[in-house]
């Protein structure tokens, strides 16, 4: 079906269920959990146990250098009690 402009109408599914970044950005920001690059891995593990699925590892200036997930912390390299986040980036 065409609109008054002669262009085909956008399918209802796409028009009615589109999600724009503006609609989800505040929720996404609220779920981001940053941690300093030199923080202990134990701190990252504590944050992950607190209900978040991903921890954003940031350098001193605030730039992201990587992400940590529960799976990343299960690797043997992260077993050291004194290890820092930067050790597995």
N, C-alpha and C. Protein backbone atom coordinates (compact mmCIF):
# COMPACT_ATOMS: atom_id res chain seq x y z
N UNK A 1 0.85 -1.18 0.00
CA UNK A 1 0.00 0.00 0.00
C UNK A 1 0.89 1.24 0.00
N UNK A 2 0.46 2.28 -0.69
CA UNK A 2 1.25 3.51 -0.79
C UNK A 2 0.60 4.62 0.04
N UNK A 3 1.44 5.51 0.54
CA UNK A 3 0.95 6.66 1.30
C UNK A 3 0.55 7.76 0.34
N UNK A 4 0.13 8.90 0.86
CA UNK A 4 -0.28 10.04 0.03
C UNK A 4 0.88 10.55 -0.82
N UNK A 5 2.11 10.31 -0.40
CA UNK A 5 3.28 10.77 -1.16
C UNK A 5 3.63 9.81 -2.29
N UNK A 6 2.95 8.68 -2.36
CA UNK A 6 3.25 7.70 -3.39
C UNK A 6 4.31 6.70 -2.99
N UNK A 7 4.91 6.89 -1.81
CA UNK A 7 5.91 5.95 -1.32
C UNK A 7 5.21 4.82 -0.57
N UNK A 8 5.78 3.62 -0.62
CA UNK A 8 5.17 2.51 0.11
C UNK A 8 5.15 2.79 1.61
N UNK A 9 4.06 2.40 2.26
CA UNK A 9 3.99 2.52 3.72
C UNK A 9 5.00 1.58 4.36
N UNK A 10 5.53 2.00 5.49
CA UNK A 10 6.41 1.14 6.26
C UNK A 10 5.55 0.04 6.90
N UNK A 11 6.02 -1.18 6.92
CA UNK A 11 5.24 -2.25 7.55
C UNK A 11 4.89 -1.89 8.99
N UNK A 12 3.70 -2.25 9.41
CA UNK A 12 3.22 -1.92 10.75
C UNK A 12 4.16 -2.43 11.83
N UNK A 13 4.68 -3.64 11.69
CA UNK A 13 5.56 -4.21 12.70
C UNK A 13 6.76 -3.31 12.93
N UNK A 14 7.40 -2.85 11.88
CA UNK A 14 8.56 -1.99 12.03
C UNK A 14 8.20 -0.62 12.57
N UNK A 15 7.13 -0.07 12.11
CA UNK A 15 6.73 1.26 12.55
C UNK A 15 6.33 1.26 14.02
N UNK A 16 5.60 0.25 14.44
CA UNK A 16 5.06 0.23 15.80
C UNK A 16 6.04 -0.29 16.84
N UNK A 17 7.06 -1.05 16.45
CA UNK A 17 7.94 -1.65 17.42
C UNK A 17 9.39 -1.21 17.28
N UNK A 18 9.63 -0.15 16.56
CA UNK A 18 10.99 0.36 16.43
C UNK A 18 11.47 0.86 17.78
N UNK A 19 12.74 0.62 18.07
CA UNK A 19 13.34 1.11 19.30
C UNK A 19 14.50 2.01 18.89
N UNK A 20 14.50 3.20 19.38
CA UNK A 20 15.53 4.16 19.07
C UNK A 20 16.50 4.28 20.24
N UNK A 21 17.73 4.62 19.94
CA UNK A 21 18.75 4.75 20.97
C UNK A 21 18.28 5.69 22.08
N UNK A 22 17.61 6.76 21.71
CA UNK A 22 17.14 7.72 22.71
C UNK A 22 16.22 7.07 23.74
N UNK A 23 15.54 6.01 23.32
CA UNK A 23 14.59 5.34 24.21
C UNK A 23 15.26 4.40 25.20
N UNK A 24 16.45 3.93 24.90
CA UNK A 24 17.10 2.96 25.77
C UNK A 24 18.39 3.45 26.42
N UNK A 25 18.87 4.62 26.01
CA UNK A 25 20.18 5.08 26.48
C UNK A 25 20.23 5.27 28.00
N UNK A 26 19.18 5.82 28.60
CA UNK A 26 19.24 6.03 30.06
C UNK A 26 19.26 4.70 30.80
N UNK A 27 18.50 3.73 30.33
CA UNK A 27 18.50 2.40 30.96
C UNK A 27 19.86 1.73 30.77
N UNK A 28 20.43 1.87 29.60
CA UNK A 28 21.75 1.28 29.33
C UNK A 28 22.81 1.90 30.22
N UNK A 29 22.80 3.22 30.35
CA UNK A 29 23.78 3.90 31.20
C UNK A 29 23.63 3.47 32.66
N UNK A 30 22.42 3.27 33.11
CA UNK A 30 22.19 2.86 34.49
C UNK A 30 22.74 1.46 34.74
N UNK A 31 22.83 0.63 33.71
CA UNK A 31 23.29 -0.75 33.88
C UNK A 31 24.79 -0.90 33.69
N UNK A 32 25.47 0.13 33.15
CA UNK A 32 26.92 0.06 32.98
C UNK A 32 27.59 0.19 34.34
N UNK A 33 28.49 -0.71 34.62
CA UNK A 33 29.21 -0.69 35.89
C UNK A 33 30.70 -0.53 35.58
N UNK A 34 31.25 0.69 35.77
CA UNK A 34 32.67 0.89 35.50
C UNK A 34 33.54 0.49 36.68
N UNK A 35 34.78 0.12 36.39
CA UNK A 35 35.76 -0.23 37.41
C UNK A 35 37.13 0.22 36.90
N UNK A 36 38.00 0.72 37.79
CA UNK A 36 39.34 1.14 37.34
C UNK A 36 40.16 -0.06 36.85
N UNK A 37 41.02 0.21 35.90
CA UNK A 37 41.89 -0.79 35.30
C UNK A 37 42.75 -1.51 36.35
N UNK A 38 43.14 -0.78 37.39
CA UNK A 38 44.02 -1.37 38.41
C UNK A 38 43.26 -1.93 39.61
N UNK A 39 41.95 -2.02 39.52
CA UNK A 39 41.15 -2.59 40.61
C UNK A 39 41.40 -4.09 40.71
N UNK A 40 41.30 -4.63 41.93
CA UNK A 40 41.46 -6.08 42.09
C UNK A 40 40.34 -6.84 41.37
N UNK A 41 40.69 -7.99 40.83
CA UNK A 41 39.69 -8.84 40.19
C UNK A 41 38.60 -9.25 41.17
N UNK A 42 38.95 -9.34 42.44
CA UNK A 42 37.95 -9.68 43.45
C UNK A 42 36.85 -8.63 43.49
N UNK A 43 37.20 -7.35 43.26
CA UNK A 43 36.19 -6.29 43.22
C UNK A 43 35.29 -6.46 42.01
N UNK A 44 35.87 -6.80 40.87
CA UNK A 44 35.06 -7.05 39.67
C UNK A 44 34.11 -8.23 39.92
N UNK A 45 34.60 -9.27 40.56
CA UNK A 45 33.76 -10.43 40.86
C UNK A 45 32.61 -10.04 41.78
N UNK A 46 32.89 -9.20 42.76
CA UNK A 46 31.83 -8.73 43.67
C UNK A 46 30.75 -7.97 42.92
N UNK A 47 31.18 -7.12 41.99
CA UNK A 47 30.21 -6.36 41.18
C UNK A 47 29.37 -7.28 40.32
N UNK A 48 30.01 -8.28 39.74
CA UNK A 48 29.28 -9.22 38.88
C UNK A 48 28.29 -10.06 39.69
N UNK A 49 28.64 -10.41 40.90
CA UNK A 49 27.70 -11.15 41.75
C UNK A 49 26.55 -10.27 42.20
N UNK A 50 26.73 -8.96 42.11
CA UNK A 50 25.70 -8.02 42.55
C UNK A 50 24.56 -7.83 41.56
N UNK A 51 24.57 -8.56 40.46
CA UNK A 51 23.44 -8.50 39.55
C UNK A 51 23.71 -7.94 38.17
N UNK A 52 24.93 -7.47 37.94
CA UNK A 52 25.24 -6.99 36.59
C UNK A 52 25.89 -8.11 35.79
N UNK A 53 25.76 -8.07 34.47
CA UNK A 53 26.33 -9.11 33.62
C UNK A 53 27.68 -8.73 33.03
N UNK A 54 28.04 -7.47 33.15
CA UNK A 54 29.26 -6.99 32.52
C UNK A 54 29.81 -5.81 33.30
N UNK A 55 31.13 -5.77 33.44
CA UNK A 55 31.82 -4.67 34.11
C UNK A 55 32.72 -4.01 33.07
N UNK A 56 32.63 -2.69 32.98
CA UNK A 56 33.43 -1.92 32.03
C UNK A 56 34.72 -1.50 32.72
N UNK A 57 35.86 -1.94 32.21
CA UNK A 57 37.17 -1.61 32.77
C UNK A 57 37.66 -0.34 32.10
N UNK A 58 38.00 0.67 32.93
CA UNK A 58 38.39 1.99 32.40
C UNK A 58 39.77 2.39 32.89
N UNK A 59 40.49 3.11 32.04
CA UNK A 59 41.78 3.67 32.45
C UNK A 59 41.53 4.91 33.30
N UNK A 60 42.60 5.48 33.84
CA UNK A 60 42.48 6.62 34.76
C UNK A 60 41.71 7.79 34.16
N UNK A 61 41.85 8.02 32.86
CA UNK A 61 41.15 9.12 32.20
C UNK A 61 39.69 8.84 31.90
N UNK A 62 39.24 7.62 32.15
CA UNK A 62 37.85 7.27 31.94
C UNK A 62 37.57 6.52 30.65
N UNK A 63 38.59 6.36 29.80
CA UNK A 63 38.38 5.63 28.55
C UNK A 63 38.27 4.13 28.82
N UNK A 64 37.37 3.48 28.10
CA UNK A 64 37.19 2.05 28.26
C UNK A 64 38.38 1.29 27.67
N UNK A 65 38.88 0.31 28.43
CA UNK A 65 39.96 -0.53 27.92
C UNK A 65 39.51 -1.97 27.74
N UNK A 66 38.35 -2.31 28.26
CA UNK A 66 37.85 -3.67 28.09
C UNK A 66 36.61 -3.91 28.91
N UNK A 67 36.12 -5.13 28.84
CA UNK A 67 34.95 -5.54 29.61
C UNK A 67 35.25 -6.86 30.29
N UNK A 68 34.63 -7.05 31.44
CA UNK A 68 34.74 -8.31 32.16
C UNK A 68 33.36 -8.90 32.34
N UNK A 69 33.30 -10.20 32.19
CA UNK A 69 32.05 -10.93 32.40
C UNK A 69 32.34 -12.05 33.39
N UNK A 70 31.32 -12.70 33.89
CA UNK A 70 31.57 -13.84 34.78
C UNK A 70 32.46 -14.90 34.11
N UNK A 71 32.29 -15.10 32.83
CA UNK A 71 33.10 -16.10 32.13
C UNK A 71 34.58 -15.70 32.11
N UNK A 72 34.87 -14.43 31.92
CA UNK A 72 36.26 -13.96 31.92
C UNK A 72 36.92 -14.22 33.26
N UNK A 73 36.17 -14.09 34.32
CA UNK A 73 36.74 -14.30 35.65
C UNK A 73 36.88 -15.76 36.01
N UNK A 74 36.35 -16.65 35.20
CA UNK A 74 36.47 -18.08 35.48
C UNK A 74 37.75 -18.66 34.87
N UNK A 75 38.48 -17.88 34.09
CA UNK A 75 39.71 -18.37 33.47
C UNK A 75 40.78 -18.58 34.53
N UNK A 76 41.68 -19.54 34.34
CA UNK A 76 42.76 -19.78 35.30
C UNK A 76 43.65 -18.56 35.54
N UNK A 77 43.83 -17.73 34.51
CA UNK A 77 44.69 -16.55 34.66
C UNK A 77 44.14 -15.59 35.71
N UNK A 78 42.86 -15.65 35.99
CA UNK A 78 42.27 -14.71 36.94
C UNK A 78 42.19 -15.29 38.35
N UNK A 79 42.82 -16.43 38.58
CA UNK A 79 42.69 -17.11 39.86
C UNK A 79 43.47 -16.44 40.98
N UNK A 80 44.49 -15.69 40.66
CA UNK A 80 45.29 -15.07 41.70
C UNK A 80 44.52 -14.06 42.51
N UNK A 81 44.56 -14.20 43.83
CA UNK A 81 43.81 -13.33 44.72
C UNK A 81 44.24 -11.87 44.61
N UNK A 82 45.48 -11.65 44.21
CA UNK A 82 46.00 -10.28 44.14
C UNK A 82 46.01 -9.74 42.72
N UNK A 83 45.46 -10.48 41.78
CA UNK A 83 45.43 -10.05 40.38
C UNK A 83 44.59 -8.80 40.20
N UNK A 84 44.95 -8.00 39.24
CA UNK A 84 44.24 -6.77 38.89
C UNK A 84 43.49 -6.98 37.58
N UNK A 85 42.49 -6.16 37.36
CA UNK A 85 41.69 -6.24 36.14
C UNK A 85 42.57 -6.15 34.90
N UNK A 86 43.58 -5.28 34.94
CA UNK A 86 44.44 -5.09 33.77
C UNK A 86 45.23 -6.36 33.43
N UNK A 87 45.34 -7.30 34.37
CA UNK A 87 46.09 -8.52 34.11
C UNK A 87 45.41 -9.43 33.08
N UNK A 88 44.11 -9.28 32.90
CA UNK A 88 43.43 -10.14 31.93
C UNK A 88 42.79 -9.35 30.80
N UNK A 89 43.17 -8.11 30.64
CA UNK A 89 42.68 -7.29 29.53
C UNK A 89 43.46 -7.62 28.29
